[in-house]
């Protein structure tokens, strides 16, 4: 495929979704400077791979590239202790240590609490979530990806997506309730 065709595909497939990619990278990295570096690397990768785009959901495709680039970037630029992608038990251990875990209670009031909370308080509470919960929440509730798209993107079963999303929302509601006191 010639360079003109690649450039046109990049403009039509990737460019409309770079703002969402930057938002995702910001959520994952925790700061704008690192997020911009990640998205720049992701854009270069997307340009190289755009001819292999299969015509599916371009937004999900771009976000997958950004996510994968972010984890590669973290492995190269951050201490290994900060790059944590593991099982839920490991996440709980890293988050709570020996402290008792909070009672997450029923799932329905959390949505009400999250909706009522101040936007900056929600943003801060999301930033405090462990990375696997934060990314699921951002993919679903901020970027609006379907469970299937998230499962495909993360290469996990759809049930895992649903479970992590439920736990992420519950933790977010707990954090918001604590901050609201």
C-alpha atoms as a PDB file:
ATOM      1  CA  UNK A   1       0.000   0.000   0.000  1.00  0.00           C
ATOM      2  CA  UNK A   2       1.407   3.428  -0.885  1.00  0.00           C
ATOM      3  CA  UNK A   3       2.181   6.237   1.541  1.00  0.00           C
ATOM      4  CA  UNK A   4      -0.790   8.342   0.394  1.00  0.00           C
ATOM      5  CA  UNK A   5      -3.218   5.508   1.155  1.00  0.00           C
ATOM      6  CA  UNK A   6      -1.599   4.904   4.559  1.00  0.00           C
ATOM      7  CA  UNK A   7      -1.840   8.606   5.364  1.00  0.00           C
ATOM      8  CA  UNK A   8      -5.505   8.687   4.342  1.00  0.00           C
ATOM      9  CA  UNK A   9      -6.284   5.609   6.441  1.00  0.00           C
ATOM     10  CA  UNK A  10      -4.441   7.152   9.389  1.00  0.00           C
ATOM     11  CA  UNK A  11      -6.484  10.356   9.046  1.00  0.00           C
ATOM     12  CA  UNK A  12      -9.775   8.489   8.858  1.00  0.00           C
ATOM     13  CA  UNK A  13      -9.156   5.617  11.294  1.00  0.00           C
ATOM     14  CA  UNK A  14      -6.740   6.952  13.921  1.00  0.00           C
ATOM     15  CA  UNK A  15      -6.950  10.751  14.054  1.00  0.00           C
ATOM     16  CA  UNK A  16     -10.613  10.967  15.179  1.00  0.00           C
ATOM     17  CA  UNK A  17      -9.783   8.839  18.232  1.00  0.00           C
ATOM     18  CA  UNK A  18      -6.491  10.337  19.396  1.00  0.00           C
ATOM     19  CA  UNK A  19      -8.241  12.576  21.932  1.00  0.00           C
ATOM     20  CA  UNK A  20      -9.819   9.481  23.494  1.00  0.00           C
ATOM     21  CA  UNK A  21      -6.405   7.825  23.391  1.00  0.00           C
ATOM     22  CA  UNK A  22      -4.887  10.786  25.216  1.00  0.00           C
ATOM     23  CA  UNK A  23      -7.628  10.647  27.839  1.00  0.00           C
ATOM     24  CA  UNK A  24      -7.006   6.917  28.344  1.00  0.00           C
ATOM     25  CA  UNK A  25      -3.253   7.438  28.543  1.00  0.00           C
ATOM     26  CA  UNK A  26      -3.774  10.219  31.085  1.00  0.00           C
ATOM     27  CA  UNK A  27      -5.901   7.928  33.250  1.00  0.00           C
ATOM     28  CA  UNK A  28      -3.350   5.124  33.004  1.00  0.00           C
ATOM     29  CA  UNK A  29      -0.220   7.251  33.430  1.00  0.00           C
ATOM     30  CA  UNK A  30      -1.590   9.656  36.006  1.00  0.00           C
ATOM     31  CA  UNK A  31      -0.170  12.771  34.347  1.00  0.00           C
ATOM     32  CA  UNK A  32      -0.431  14.663  31.075  1.00  0.00           C
ATOM     33  CA  UNK A  33       3.274  14.713  30.211  1.00  0.00           C
ATOM     34  CA  UNK A  34       3.664  10.926  30.262  1.00  0.00           C
ATOM     35  CA  UNK A  35       0.297  10.536  28.530  1.00  0.00           C
ATOM     36  CA  UNK A  36       1.436  12.740  25.653  1.00  0.00           C
ATOM     37  CA  UNK A  37       4.609  10.656  25.246  1.00  0.00           C
ATOM     38  CA  UNK A  38       2.560   7.461  25.266  1.00  0.00           C
ATOM     39  CA  UNK A  39       0.092   8.753  22.667  1.00  0.00           C
ATOM     40  CA  UNK A  40       2.914   9.968  20.450  1.00  0.00           C
ATOM     41  CA  UNK A  41       4.466   6.481  20.524  1.00  0.00           C
ATOM     42  CA  UNK A  42       1.036   4.926  19.968  1.00  0.00           C
ATOM     43  CA  UNK A  43       0.361   7.175  16.974  1.00  0.00           C
ATOM     44  CA  UNK A  44       3.620   6.078  15.379  1.00  0.00           C
ATOM     45  CA  UNK A  45       2.693   2.430  15.964  1.00  0.00           C
ATOM     46  CA  UNK A  46      -0.798   3.023  14.586  1.00  0.00           C
ATOM     47  CA  UNK A  47       0.630   4.659  11.462  1.00  0.00           C
ATOM     48  CA  UNK A  48       2.856   1.644  10.872  1.00  0.00           C
ATOM     49  CA  UNK A  49      -0.052  -0.778  11.438  1.00  0.00           C
ATOM     50  CA  UNK A  50      -2.946   1.120   9.846  1.00  0.00           C
ATOM     51  CA  UNK A  51      -2.813  -0.959   6.667  1.00  0.00           C
ATOM     52  CA  UNK A  52      -3.569  -4.032   8.797  1.00  0.00           C
ATOM     53  CA  UNK A  53      -6.688  -2.484  10.369  1.00  0.00           C
ATOM     54  CA  UNK A  54      -9.457  -5.028   9.776  1.00  0.00           C
ATOM     55  CA  UNK A  55     -12.366  -2.597   9.514  1.00  0.00           C
ATOM     56  CA  UNK A  56     -13.772  -3.303  12.986  1.00  0.00           C
ATOM     57  CA  UNK A  57     -14.321  -0.620  15.607  1.00  0.00           C
ATOM     58  CA  UNK A  58     -11.574   1.958  14.943  1.00  0.00           C
ATOM     59  CA  UNK A  59     -11.958   3.544  18.383  1.00  0.00           C
ATOM     60  CA  UNK A  60     -11.399   0.230  20.157  1.00  0.00           C
ATOM     61  CA  UNK A  61      -8.445  -0.485  17.840  1.00  0.00           C
ATOM     62  CA  UNK A  62      -6.791   2.856  18.652  1.00  0.00           C
ATOM     63  CA  UNK A  63      -7.454   2.483  22.390  1.00  0.00           C
ATOM     64  CA  UNK A  64      -5.917  -1.000  22.316  1.00  0.00           C
ATOM     65  CA  UNK A  65      -2.775   0.406  20.712  1.00  0.00           C
ATOM     66  CA  UNK A  66      -2.640   3.194  23.310  1.00  0.00           C
ATOM     67  CA  UNK A  67      -3.108   0.733  26.170  1.00  0.00           C
ATOM     68  CA  UNK A  68      -0.443  -1.654  24.913  1.00  0.00           C
ATOM     69  CA  UNK A  69       1.927   1.237  24.246  1.00  0.00           C
ATOM     70  CA  UNK A  70       1.310   2.551  27.758  1.00  0.00           C
ATOM     71  CA  UNK A  71       2.320  -0.731  29.365  1.00  0.00           C
ATOM     72  CA  UNK A  72       5.431  -0.952  27.182  1.00  0.00           C
ATOM     73  CA  UNK A  73       6.241   2.652  28.072  1.00  0.00           C
ATOM     74  CA  UNK A  74       5.718   1.967  31.793  1.00  0.00           C
ATOM     75  CA  UNK A  75       8.045  -1.038  31.667  1.00  0.00           C
ATOM     76  CA  UNK A  76      10.744   1.112  30.080  1.00  0.00           C
ATOM     77  CA  UNK A  77      10.307   4.360  32.025  1.00  0.00           C
ATOM     78  CA  UNK A  78       8.959   3.484  35.461  1.00  0.00           C
ATOM     79  CA  UNK A  79      10.278   1.334  38.296  1.00  0.00           C
ATOM     80  CA  UNK A  80       9.079  -2.245  38.041  1.00  0.00           C
ATOM     81  CA  UNK A  81       7.240  -1.924  41.369  1.00  0.00           C
ATOM     82  CA  UNK A  82       4.905   0.644  39.817  1.00  0.00           C
ATOM     83  CA  UNK A  83       3.939  -1.483  36.829  1.00  0.00           C
ATOM     84  CA  UNK A  84       1.459  -3.897  38.359  1.00  0.00           C
ATOM     85  CA  UNK A  85      -0.740  -6.111  36.266  1.00  0.00           C
ATOM     86  CA  UNK A  86      -1.773  -9.139  38.232  1.00  0.00           C
ATOM     87  CA  UNK A  87      -4.614 -11.108  39.699  1.00  0.00           C
ATOM     88  CA  UNK A  88      -7.262  -9.533  41.874  1.00  0.00           C
ATOM     89  CA  UNK A  89      -5.813 -11.056  45.044  1.00  0.00           C
ATOM     90  CA  UNK A  90      -2.467  -9.393  44.260  1.00  0.00           C
ATOM     91  CA  UNK A  91      -4.230  -6.083  43.625  1.00  0.00           C
ATOM     92  CA  UNK A  92      -6.058  -6.324  46.947  1.00  0.00           C
ATOM     93  CA  UNK A  93      -2.788  -7.176  48.703  1.00  0.00           C
ATOM     94  CA  UNK A  94      -1.010  -4.210  47.123  1.00  0.00           C
ATOM     95  CA  UNK A  95      -3.918  -1.880  47.841  1.00  0.00           C
ATOM     96  CA  UNK A  96      -4.810  -2.875  51.387  1.00  0.00           C
ATOM     97  CA  UNK A  97      -1.810  -4.830  52.687  1.00  0.00           C
ATOM     98  CA  UNK A  98      -2.735  -6.356  56.043  1.00  0.00           C
ATOM     99  CA  UNK A  99      -5.607  -3.921  56.648  1.00  0.00           C
ATOM    100  CA  UNK A 100      -9.119  -5.325  56.466  1.00  0.00           C
ATOM    101  CA  UNK A 101     -10.785  -4.653  53.159  1.00  0.00           C
ATOM    102  CA  UNK A 102     -13.781  -2.321  53.227  1.00  0.00           C
ATOM    103  CA  UNK A 103     -17.251  -3.747  53.008  1.00  0.00           C
ATOM    104  CA  UNK A 104     -18.317  -2.859  49.477  1.00  0.00           C
ATOM    105  CA  UNK A 105     -22.006  -3.370  50.232  1.00  0.00           C
ATOM    106  CA  UNK A 106     -24.745  -3.691  47.639  1.00  0.00           C
ATOM    107  CA  UNK A 107     -23.992  -2.571  44.104  1.00  0.00           C
ATOM    108  CA  UNK A 108     -27.001  -0.395  43.282  1.00  0.00           C
ATOM    109  CA  UNK A 109     -26.404   2.684  45.504  1.00  0.00           C
ATOM    110  CA  UNK A 110     -22.913   3.157  44.081  1.00  0.00           C
ATOM    111  CA  UNK A 111     -24.172   4.452  40.755  1.00  0.00           C
ATOM    112  CA  UNK A 112     -26.277   7.049  42.563  1.00  0.00           C
ATOM    113  CA  UNK A 113     -23.335   8.168  44.680  1.00  0.00           C
ATOM    114  CA  UNK A 114     -21.013   8.393  41.683  1.00  0.00           C
ATOM    115  CA  UNK A 115     -23.560  10.460  39.725  1.00  0.00           C
ATOM    116  CA  UNK A 116     -24.041  12.882  42.623  1.00  0.00           C
ATOM    117  CA  UNK A 117     -20.351  13.316  43.381  1.00  0.00           C
ATOM    118  CA  UNK A 118     -18.354  16.329  42.274  1.00  0.00           C
ATOM    119  CA  UNK A 119     -16.461  15.699  39.008  1.00  0.00           C
ATOM    120  CA  UNK A 120     -13.055  16.527  40.475  1.00  0.00           C
ATOM    121  CA  UNK A 121     -13.744  14.211  43.419  1.00  0.00           C
ATOM    122  CA  UNK A 122     -14.695  11.408  40.998  1.00  0.00           C
ATOM    123  CA  UNK A 123     -11.552  12.021  38.954  1.00  0.00           C
ATOM    124  CA  UNK A 124      -9.365  11.857  42.059  1.00  0.00           C
ATOM    125  CA  UNK A 125     -11.108   8.696  43.275  1.00  0.00           C
ATOM    126  CA  UNK A 126     -10.676   7.014  39.873  1.00  0.00           C
ATOM    127  CA  UNK A 127      -6.984   7.920  39.892  1.00  0.00           C
ATOM    128  CA  UNK A 128      -6.624   6.126  43.247  1.00  0.00           C
ATOM    129  CA  UNK A 129      -8.006   2.832  41.909  1.00  0.00           C
ATOM    130  CA  UNK A 130      -5.539   0.045  41.118  1.00  0.00           C
ATOM    131  CA  UNK A 131      -4.645   0.095  37.418  1.00  0.00           C
ATOM    132  CA  UNK A 132      -6.634  -2.994  36.306  1.00  0.00           C
ATOM    133  CA  UNK A 133      -9.803  -1.585  37.879  1.00  0.00           C
ATOM    134  CA  UNK A 134      -9.117   1.927  36.630  1.00  0.00           C
ATOM    135  CA  UNK A 135      -8.609   0.841  33.030  1.00  0.00           C
ATOM    136  CA  UNK A 136     -11.809  -1.254  32.980  1.00  0.00           C
ATOM    137  CA  UNK A 137     -13.786   1.646  34.439  1.00  0.00           C
ATOM    138  CA  UNK A 138     -12.298   4.117  31.960  1.00  0.00           C
ATOM    139  CA  UNK A 139     -12.925   1.821  28.988  1.00  0.00           C
ATOM    140  CA  UNK A 140     -16.558   1.215  29.934  1.00  0.00           C
ATOM    141  CA  UNK A 141     -17.853   4.265  31.765  1.00  0.00           C
ATOM    142  CA  UNK A 142     -15.750   7.001  30.159  1.00  0.00           C
ATOM    143  CA  UNK A 143     -14.991   5.633  26.698  1.00  0.00           C
ATOM    144  CA  UNK A 144     -18.235   3.677  26.367  1.00  0.00           C
ATOM    145  CA  UNK A 145     -16.746   0.462  25.015  1.00  0.00           C
ATOM    146  CA  UNK A 146     -18.914  -2.631  25.161  1.00  0.00           C
ATOM    147  CA  UNK A 147     -18.067  -5.564  27.417  1.00  0.00           C
ATOM    148  CA  UNK A 148     -17.117  -7.577  24.326  1.00  0.00           C
ATOM    149  CA  UNK A 149     -14.803  -4.829  23.026  1.00  0.00           C
ATOM    150  CA  UNK A 150     -13.092  -4.558  26.411  1.00  0.00           C
ATOM    151  CA  UNK A 151     -12.741  -8.334  26.689  1.00  0.00           C
ATOM    152  CA  UNK A 152     -11.181  -8.488  23.229  1.00  0.00           C
ATOM    153  CA  UNK A 153      -8.940  -5.514  23.954  1.00  0.00           C
ATOM    154  CA  UNK A 154      -7.655  -6.964  27.240  1.00  0.00           C
ATOM    155  CA  UNK A 155      -7.727 -10.566  26.025  1.00  0.00           C
ATOM    156  CA  UNK A 156      -9.772 -11.709  29.028  1.00  0.00           C
ATOM    157  CA  UNK A 157     -13.173 -13.422  29.310  1.00  0.00           C
ATOM    158  CA  UNK A 158     -16.217 -11.172  29.298  1.00  0.00           C
ATOM    159  CA  UNK A 159     -17.075 -12.385  32.812  1.00  0.00           C
ATOM    160  CA  UNK A 160     -13.733 -11.036  34.027  1.00  0.00           C
ATOM    161  CA  UNK A 161     -14.562  -7.660  32.513  1.00  0.00           C
ATOM    162  CA  UNK A 162     -17.939  -7.628  34.237  1.00  0.00           C
ATOM    163  CA  UNK A 163     -16.461  -8.731  37.562  1.00  0.00           C
ATOM    164  CA  UNK A 164     -13.643  -6.173  37.499  1.00  0.00           C
ATOM    165  CA  UNK A 165     -16.035  -3.432  36.447  1.00  0.00           C
ATOM    166  CA  UNK A 166     -18.355  -4.284  39.309  1.00  0.00           C
ATOM    167  CA  UNK A 167     -15.470  -4.257  41.782  1.00  0.00           C
ATOM    168  CA  UNK A 168     -14.110  -1.024  40.314  1.00  0.00           C
ATOM    169  CA  UNK A 169     -17.466   0.694  40.645  1.00  0.00           C
ATOM    170  CA  UNK A 170     -17.872  -0.585  44.186  1.00  0.00           C
ATOM    171  CA  UNK A 171     -14.401   0.649  45.179  1.00  0.00           C
ATOM    172  CA  UNK A 172     -15.073   3.978  43.506  1.00  0.00           C
ATOM    173  CA  UNK A 173     -18.341   4.345  45.406  1.00  0.00           C
ATOM    174  CA  UNK A 174     -16.583   3.453  48.670  1.00  0.00           C
ATOM    175  CA  UNK A 175     -13.855   6.035  48.052  1.00  0.00           C
ATOM    176  CA  UNK A 176     -16.423   8.693  47.149  1.00  0.00           C
ATOM    177  CA  UNK A 177     -18.452   7.929  50.271  1.00  0.00           C
ATOM    178  CA  UNK A 178     -15.278   8.266  52.386  1.00  0.00           C
ATOM    179  CA  UNK A 179     -14.407  11.599  50.773  1.00  0.00           C
ATOM    180  CA  UNK A 180     -17.976  12.838  51.124  1.00  0.00           C
ATOM    181  CA  UNK A 181     -17.865  12.508  54.933  1.00  0.00           C
END
